[in-house]
PDB file of N, CA and C in Angstrom:
ATOM      1  N   MET A   1      27.205   3.175  -4.204  1.00  0.00           N
ATOM      2  CA  MET A   1      27.101   2.210  -3.115  1.00  0.00           C
ATOM      3  C   MET A   1      26.148   1.089  -3.522  1.00  0.00           C
ATOM      4  N   ARG A   2      26.534  -0.148  -3.218  1.00  0.00           N
ATOM      5  CA  ARG A   2      25.723  -1.314  -3.582  1.00  0.00           C
ATOM      6  C   ARG A   2      24.585  -1.551  -2.613  1.00  0.00           C
ATOM      7  N   THR A   3      23.490  -2.057  -3.131  1.00  0.00           N
ATOM      8  CA  THR A   3      22.372  -2.455  -2.292  1.00  0.00           C
ATOM      9  C   THR A   3      22.710  -3.796  -1.651  1.00  0.00           C
ATOM     10  N   MET A   4      22.514  -3.919  -0.360  1.00  0.00           N
ATOM     11  CA  MET A   4      22.814  -5.179   0.339  1.00  0.00           C
ATOM     12  C   MET A   4      21.811  -6.251  -0.077  1.00  0.00           C
ATOM     13  N   GLY A   5      22.292  -7.487  -0.206  1.00  0.00           N
ATOM     14  CA  GLY A   5      21.422  -8.603  -0.515  1.00  0.00           C
ATOM     15  C   GLY A   5      21.224  -8.866  -1.998  1.00  0.00           C
ATOM     16  N   VAL A   6      21.819  -8.072  -2.858  1.00  0.00           N
ATOM     17  CA  VAL A   6      21.676  -8.289  -4.294  1.00  0.00           C
ATOM     18  C   VAL A   6      23.044  -8.670  -4.862  1.00  0.00           C
ATOM     19  N   PRO A   7      23.262  -9.979  -5.081  1.00  0.00           N
ATOM     20  CA  PRO A   7      24.578 -10.392  -5.586  1.00  0.00           C
ATOM     21  C   PRO A   7      24.802  -9.913  -7.018  1.00  0.00           C
ATOM     22  N   LYS A   8      26.009  -9.454  -7.287  1.00  0.00           N
ATOM     23  CA  LYS A   8      26.360  -8.956  -8.613  1.00  0.00           C
ATOM     24  C   LYS A   8      27.169  -9.968  -9.419  1.00  0.00           C
ATOM     25  N   THR A   9      27.803 -10.909  -8.733  1.00  0.00           N
ATOM     26  CA  THR A   9      28.627 -11.899  -9.425  1.00  0.00           C
ATOM     27  C   THR A   9      28.206 -13.305  -9.005  1.00  0.00           C
ATOM     28  N   LYS A  10      28.664 -14.286  -9.768  1.00  0.00           N
ATOM     29  CA  LYS A  10      28.363 -15.674  -9.436  1.00  0.00           C
ATOM     30  C   LYS A  10      28.985 -16.057  -8.089  1.00  0.00           C
ATOM     31  N   ARG A  11      30.182 -15.553  -7.818  1.00  0.00           N
ATOM     32  CA  ARG A  11      30.845 -15.839  -6.547  1.00  0.00           C
ATOM     33  C   ARG A  11      30.028 -15.295  -5.374  1.00  0.00           C
ATOM     34  N   GLU A  12      29.500 -14.092  -5.500  1.00  0.00           N
ATOM     35  CA  GLU A  12      28.673 -13.520  -4.440  1.00  0.00           C
ATOM     36  C   GLU A  12      27.412 -14.354  -4.225  1.00  0.00           C
ATOM     37  N   LEU A  13      26.845 -14.849  -5.303  1.00  0.00           N
ATOM     38  CA  LEU A  13      25.657 -15.677  -5.199  1.00  0.00           C
ATOM     39  C   LEU A  13      25.972 -16.997  -4.482  1.00  0.00           C
ATOM     40  N   ILE A  14      27.084 -17.619  -4.829  1.00  0.00           N
ATOM     41  CA  ILE A  14      27.499 -18.865  -4.180  1.00  0.00           C
ATOM     42  C   ILE A  14      27.766 -18.619  -2.689  1.00  0.00           C
ATOM     43  N   THR A  15      28.407 -17.502  -2.369  1.00  0.00           N
ATOM     44  CA  THR A  15      28.666 -17.159  -0.973  1.00  0.00           C
ATOM     45  C   THR A  15      27.359 -16.965  -0.216  1.00  0.00           C
ATOM     46  N   TYR A  16      26.416 -16.269  -0.833  1.00  0.00           N
ATOM     47  CA  TYR A  16      25.114 -16.039  -0.208  1.00  0.00           C
ATOM     48  C   TYR A  16      24.435 -17.372   0.111  1.00  0.00           C
ATOM     49  N   PHE A  17      24.365 -18.276  -0.862  1.00  0.00           N
ATOM     50  CA  PHE A  17      23.713 -19.552  -0.623  1.00  0.00           C
ATOM     51  C   PHE A  17      24.482 -20.398   0.390  1.00  0.00           C
ATOM     52  N   GLY A  18      25.794 -20.256   0.441  1.00  0.00           N
ATOM     53  CA  GLY A  18      26.587 -20.944   1.458  1.00  0.00           C
ATOM     54  C   GLY A  18      26.206 -20.503   2.861  1.00  0.00           C
ATOM     55  N   HIS A  19      26.044 -19.186   3.053  1.00  0.00           N
ATOM     56  CA  HIS A  19      25.613 -18.669   4.352  1.00  0.00           C
ATOM     57  C   HIS A  19      24.193 -19.124   4.676  1.00  0.00           C
ATOM     58  N   TYR A  20      23.338 -19.112   3.683  1.00  0.00           N
ATOM     59  CA  TYR A  20      21.953 -19.552   3.859  1.00  0.00           C
ATOM     60  C   TYR A  20      21.913 -21.017   4.280  1.00  0.00           C
ATOM     61  N   TYR A  21      22.730 -21.842   3.638  1.00  0.00           N
ATOM     62  CA  TYR A  21      22.809 -23.271   3.968  1.00  0.00           C
ATOM     63  C   TYR A  21      23.303 -23.473   5.399  1.00  0.00           C
ATOM     64  N   MET A  22      24.302 -22.713   5.815  1.00  0.00           N
ATOM     65  CA  MET A  22      24.888 -22.899   7.135  1.00  0.00           C
ATOM     66  C   MET A  22      23.936 -22.517   8.271  1.00  0.00           C
ATOM     67  N   ARG A  23      22.908 -21.757   7.977  1.00  0.00           N
ATOM     68  CA  ARG A  23      21.924 -21.431   9.015  1.00  0.00           C
ATOM     69  C   ARG A  23      21.229 -22.688   9.522  1.00  0.00           C
ATOM     70  N   ASP A  24      20.909 -23.613   8.602  1.00  0.00           N
ATOM     71  CA  ASP A  24      20.205 -24.836   8.982  1.00  0.00           C
ATOM     72  C   ASP A  24      20.524 -25.948   7.984  1.00  0.00           C
ATOM     73  N   PRO A  25      21.702 -26.551   8.103  1.00  0.00           N
ATOM     74  CA  PRO A  25      22.114 -27.553   7.118  1.00  0.00           C
ATOM     75  C   PRO A  25      21.224 -28.799   7.101  1.00  0.00           C
ATOM     76  N   ILE A  26      20.661 -29.173   8.243  1.00  0.00           N
ATOM     77  CA  ILE A  26      19.802 -30.370   8.290  1.00  0.00           C
ATOM     78  C   ILE A  26      18.523 -30.131   7.498  1.00  0.00           C
ATOM     79  N   ALA A  27      17.878 -29.005   7.740  1.00  0.00           N
ATOM     80  CA  ALA A  27      16.641 -28.697   7.010  1.00  0.00           C
ATOM     81  C   ALA A  27      16.926 -28.565   5.514  1.00  0.00           C
ATOM     82  N   HIS A  28      18.046 -27.968   5.173  1.00  0.00           N
ATOM     83  CA  HIS A  28      18.414 -27.803   3.766  1.00  0.00           C
ATOM     84  C   HIS A  28      18.605 -29.167   3.102  1.00  0.00           C
ATOM     85  N   SER A  29      19.269 -30.078   3.808  1.00  0.00           N
ATOM     86  CA  SER A  29      19.496 -31.419   3.272  1.00  0.00           C
ATOM     87  C   SER A  29      18.190 -32.192   3.138  1.00  0.00           C
ATOM     88  N   LEU A  30      17.320 -32.084   4.142  1.00  0.00           N
ATOM     89  CA  LEU A  30      16.029 -32.779   4.080  1.00  0.00           C
ATOM     90  C   LEU A  30      15.161 -32.243   2.947  1.00  0.00           C
ATOM     91  N   LYS A  31      15.212 -30.949   2.711  1.00  0.00           N
ATOM     92  CA  LYS A  31      14.452 -30.343   1.610  1.00  0.00           C
ATOM     93  C   LYS A  31      14.950 -30.889   0.273  1.00  0.00           C
ATOM     94  N   GLY A  32      16.256 -30.995   0.126  1.00  0.00           N
ATOM     95  CA  GLY A  32      16.817 -31.558  -1.102  1.00  0.00           C
ATOM     96  C   GLY A  32      16.400 -32.997  -1.310  1.00  0.00           C
ATOM     97  N   LEU A  33      16.385 -33.776  -0.230  1.00  0.00           N
ATOM     98  CA  LEU A  33      15.958 -35.164  -0.302  1.00  0.00           C
ATOM     99  C   LEU A  33      14.479 -35.260  -0.681  1.00  0.00           C
ATOM    100  N   ALA A  34      13.652 -34.425  -0.066  1.00  0.00           N
ATOM    101  CA  ALA A  34      12.214 -34.437  -0.360  1.00  0.00           C
ATOM    102  C   ALA A  34      11.957 -34.041  -1.818  1.00  0.00           C
ATOM    103  N   ASP A  35      12.631 -33.000  -2.291  1.00  0.00           N
ATOM    104  CA  ASP A  35      12.448 -32.567  -3.681  1.00  0.00           C
ATOM    105  C   ASP A  35      12.911 -33.641  -4.659  1.00  0.00           C
ATOM    106  N   GLY A  36      14.036 -34.269  -4.342  1.00  0.00           N
ATOM    107  CA  GLY A  36      14.565 -35.317  -5.214  1.00  0.00           C
ATOM    108  C   GLY A  36      13.641 -36.521  -5.285  1.00  0.00           C
ATOM    109  N   SER A  37      13.115 -36.941  -4.134  1.00  0.00           N
ATOM    110  CA  SER A  37      12.222 -38.106  -4.137  1.00  0.00           C
ATOM    111  C   SER A  37      10.900 -37.779  -4.828  1.00  0.00           C
ATOM    112  N   GLU A  38      10.457 -36.536  -4.723  1.00  0.00           N
ATOM    113  CA  GLU A  38       9.243 -36.128  -5.441  1.00  0.00           C
ATOM    114  C   GLU A  38       9.449 -36.271  -6.944  1.00  0.00           C
ATOM    115  N   MET A  39      10.601 -35.843  -7.420  1.00  0.00           N
ATOM    116  CA  MET A  39      10.866 -35.920  -8.862  1.00  0.00           C
ATOM    117  C   MET A  39      10.966 -37.367  -9.338  1.00  0.00           C
ATOM    118  N   VAL A  40      11.523 -38.243  -8.515  1.00  0.00           N
ATOM    119  CA  VAL A  40      11.594 -39.663  -8.867  1.00  0.00           C
ATOM    120  C   VAL A  40      10.181 -40.224  -9.003  1.00  0.00           C
ATOM    121  N   LEU A  41       9.327 -39.917  -8.036  1.00  0.00           N
ATOM    122  CA  LEU A  41       7.947 -40.415  -8.090  1.00  0.00           C
ATOM    123  C   LEU A  41       7.197 -39.852  -9.296  1.00  0.00           C
ATOM    124  N   ARG A  42       7.428 -38.592  -9.602  1.00  0.00           N
ATOM    125  CA  ARG A  42       6.758 -37.992 -10.764  1.00  0.00           C
ATOM    126  C   ARG A  42       7.169 -38.687 -12.063  1.00  0.00           C
ATOM    127  N   ARG A  43       8.412 -39.144 -12.139  1.00  0.00           N
ATOM    128  CA  ARG A  43       8.868 -39.838 -13.345  1.00  0.00           C
ATOM    129  C   ARG A  43       8.330 -41.263 -13.429  1.00  0.00           C
ATOM    130  N   VAL A  44       8.126 -41.903 -12.273  1.00  0.00           N
ATOM    131  CA  VAL A  44       7.745 -43.316 -12.239  1.00  0.00           C
ATOM    132  C   VAL A  44       6.234 -43.516 -12.342  1.00  0.00           C
ATOM    133  N   ILE A  45       5.460 -42.639 -11.708  1.00  0.00           N
ATOM    134  CA  ILE A  45       3.999 -42.813 -11.663  1.00  0.00           C
ATOM    135  C   ILE A  45       3.354 -41.990 -12.779  1.00  0.00           C
ATOM    136  N   PRO A  46       2.626 -42.640 -13.698  1.00  0.00           N
ATOM    137  CA  PRO A  46       1.944 -41.897 -14.774  1.00  0.00           C
ATOM    138  C   PRO A  46       0.879 -40.945 -14.211  1.00  0.00           C
ATOM    139  N   GLU A  47       0.745 -39.770 -14.825  1.00  0.00           N
ATOM    140  CA  GLU A  47      -0.202 -38.767 -14.334  1.00  0.00           C
ATOM    141  C   GLU A  47      -1.656 -39.219 -14.410  1.00  0.00           C
ATOM    142  N   ASP A  48      -1.981 -40.097 -15.330  1.00  0.00           N
ATOM    143  CA  ASP A  48      -3.378 -40.510 -15.471  1.00  0.00           C
ATOM    144  C   ASP A  48      -3.704 -41.771 -14.656  1.00  0.00           C
ATOM    145  N   SER A  49      -2.810 -42.179 -13.746  1.00  0.00           N
ATOM    146  CA  SER A  49      -3.038 -43.392 -12.965  1.00  0.00           C
ATOM    147  C   SER A  49      -3.808 -43.080 -11.680  1.00  0.00           C
ATOM    148  N   ALA A  50      -4.459 -44.112 -11.154  1.00  0.00           N
ATOM    149  CA  ALA A  50      -5.203 -43.978  -9.900  1.00  0.00           C
ATOM    150  C   ALA A  50      -4.247 -43.642  -8.753  1.00  0.00           C
ATOM    151  N   MET A  51      -3.057 -44.207  -8.781  1.00  0.00           N
ATOM    152  CA  MET A  51      -2.082 -43.940  -7.724  1.00  0.00           C
ATOM    153  C   MET A  51      -1.679 -42.462  -7.717  1.00  0.00           C
ATOM    154  N   PHE A  52      -1.496 -41.876  -8.882  1.00  0.00           N
ATOM    155  CA  PHE A  52      -1.141 -40.460  -8.967  1.00  0.00           C
ATOM    156  C   PHE A  52      -2.270 -39.592  -8.414  1.00  0.00           C
ATOM    157  N   ARG A  53      -3.497 -39.908  -8.802  1.00  0.00           N
ATOM    158  CA  ARG A  53      -4.637 -39.124  -8.315  1.00  0.00           C
ATOM    159  C   ARG A  53      -4.770 -39.226  -6.793  1.00  0.00           C
ATOM    160  N   LEU A  54      -4.564 -40.427  -6.238  1.00  0.00           N
ATOM    161  CA  LEU A  54      -4.631 -40.613  -4.788  1.00  0.00           C
ATOM    162  C   LEU A  54      -3.530 -39.801  -4.097  1.00  0.00           C
ATOM    163  N   ALA A  55      -2.321 -39.860  -4.627  1.00  0.00           N
ATOM    164  CA  ALA A  55      -1.215 -39.105  -4.040  1.00  0.00           C
ATOM    165  C   ALA A  55      -1.502 -37.601  -4.094  1.00  0.00           C
ATOM    166  N   LYS A  56      -2.066 -37.139  -5.190  1.00  0.00           N
ATOM    167  CA  LYS A  56      -2.386 -35.721  -5.349  1.00  0.00           C
ATOM    168  C   LYS A  56      -3.448 -35.279  -4.346  1.00  0.00           C
ATOM    169  N   ARG A  57      -4.505 -36.091  -4.191  1.00  0.00           N
ATOM    170  CA  ARG A  57      -5.553 -35.757  -3.207  1.00  0.00           C
ATOM    171  C   ARG A  57      -4.989 -35.743  -1.792  1.00  0.00           C
ATOM    172  N   THR A  58      -4.141 -36.717  -1.477  1.00  0.00           N
ATOM    173  CA  THR A  58      -3.538 -36.792  -0.147  1.00  0.00           C
ATOM    174  C   THR A  58      -2.650 -35.581   0.109  1.00  0.00           C
ATOM    175  N   TYR A  59      -1.859 -35.206  -0.875  1.00  0.00           N
ATOM    176  CA  TYR A  59      -0.977 -34.048  -0.741  1.00  0.00           C
ATOM    177  C   TYR A  59      -1.781 -32.780  -0.451  1.00  0.00           C
ATOM    178  N   TYR A  60      -2.827 -32.538  -1.240  1.00  0.00           N
ATOM    179  CA  TYR A  60      -3.615 -31.327  -1.050  1.00  0.00           C
ATOM    180  C   TYR A  60      -4.383 -31.351   0.267  1.00  0.00           C
ATOM    181  N   ALA A  61      -4.816 -32.511   0.718  1.00  0.00           N
ATOM    182  CA  ALA A  61      -5.495 -32.605   2.004  1.00  0.00           C
ATOM    183  C   ALA A  61      -4.533 -32.268   3.144  1.00  0.00           C
ATOM    184  N   CYS A  62      -3.317 -32.771   3.056  1.00  0.00           N
ATOM    185  CA  CYS A  62      -2.298 -32.470   4.093  1.00  0.00           C
ATOM    186  C   CYS A  62      -1.900 -30.996   4.050  1.00  0.00           C
ATOM    187  N   ALA A  63      -1.760 -30.453   2.868  1.00  0.00           N
ATOM    188  CA  ALA A  63      -1.384 -29.053   2.726  1.00  0.00           C
ATOM    189  C   ALA A  63      -2.468 -28.143   3.284  1.00  0.00           C
ATOM    190  N   ALA A  64      -3.722 -28.493   3.067  1.00  0.00           N
ATOM    191  CA  ALA A  64      -4.830 -27.679   3.583  1.00  0.00           C
ATOM    192  C   ALA A  64      -4.860 -27.715   5.116  1.00  0.00           C
ATOM    193  N   ARG A  65      -4.527 -28.870   5.692  1.00  0.00           N
ATOM    194  CA  ARG A  65      -4.509 -28.994   7.150  1.00  0.00           C
ATOM    195  C   ARG A  65      -3.410 -28.173   7.792  1.00  0.00           C
ATOM    196  N   THR A  66      -2.259 -28.097   7.140  1.00  0.00           N
ATOM    197  CA  THR A  66      -1.135 -27.356   7.723  1.00  0.00           C
ATOM    198  C   THR A  66      -1.343 -25.848   7.622  1.00  0.00           C
ATOM    199  N   LYS A  67      -2.137 -25.391   6.656  1.00  0.00           N
ATOM    200  CA  LYS A  67      -2.414 -23.957   6.514  1.00  0.00           C
ATOM    201  C   LYS A  67      -3.454 -23.491   7.522  1.00  0.00           C
ATOM    202  N   ALA A  68      -4.349 -24.358   7.930  1.00  0.00           N
ATOM    203  CA  ALA A  68      -5.449 -23.984   8.833  1.00  0.00           C
ATOM    204  C   ALA A  68      -4.981 -23.735  10.230  1.00  0.00           C
TER     205      ALA A  68
END
């Protein structure tokens, strides 16, 4: 007997993610947009720039506030 929740084939994995997506398609789409825009910014802004450091400090400050 198979353990539930552990896909054995690629088709089962695709089906699983399809069901996961259908639970909240808007949030899933927004997450993809946020991740994509983050990667664009990471490619455009050099890591040793003042803008990168400011963005990093702002990100961690916001993240700390949401955890509290």
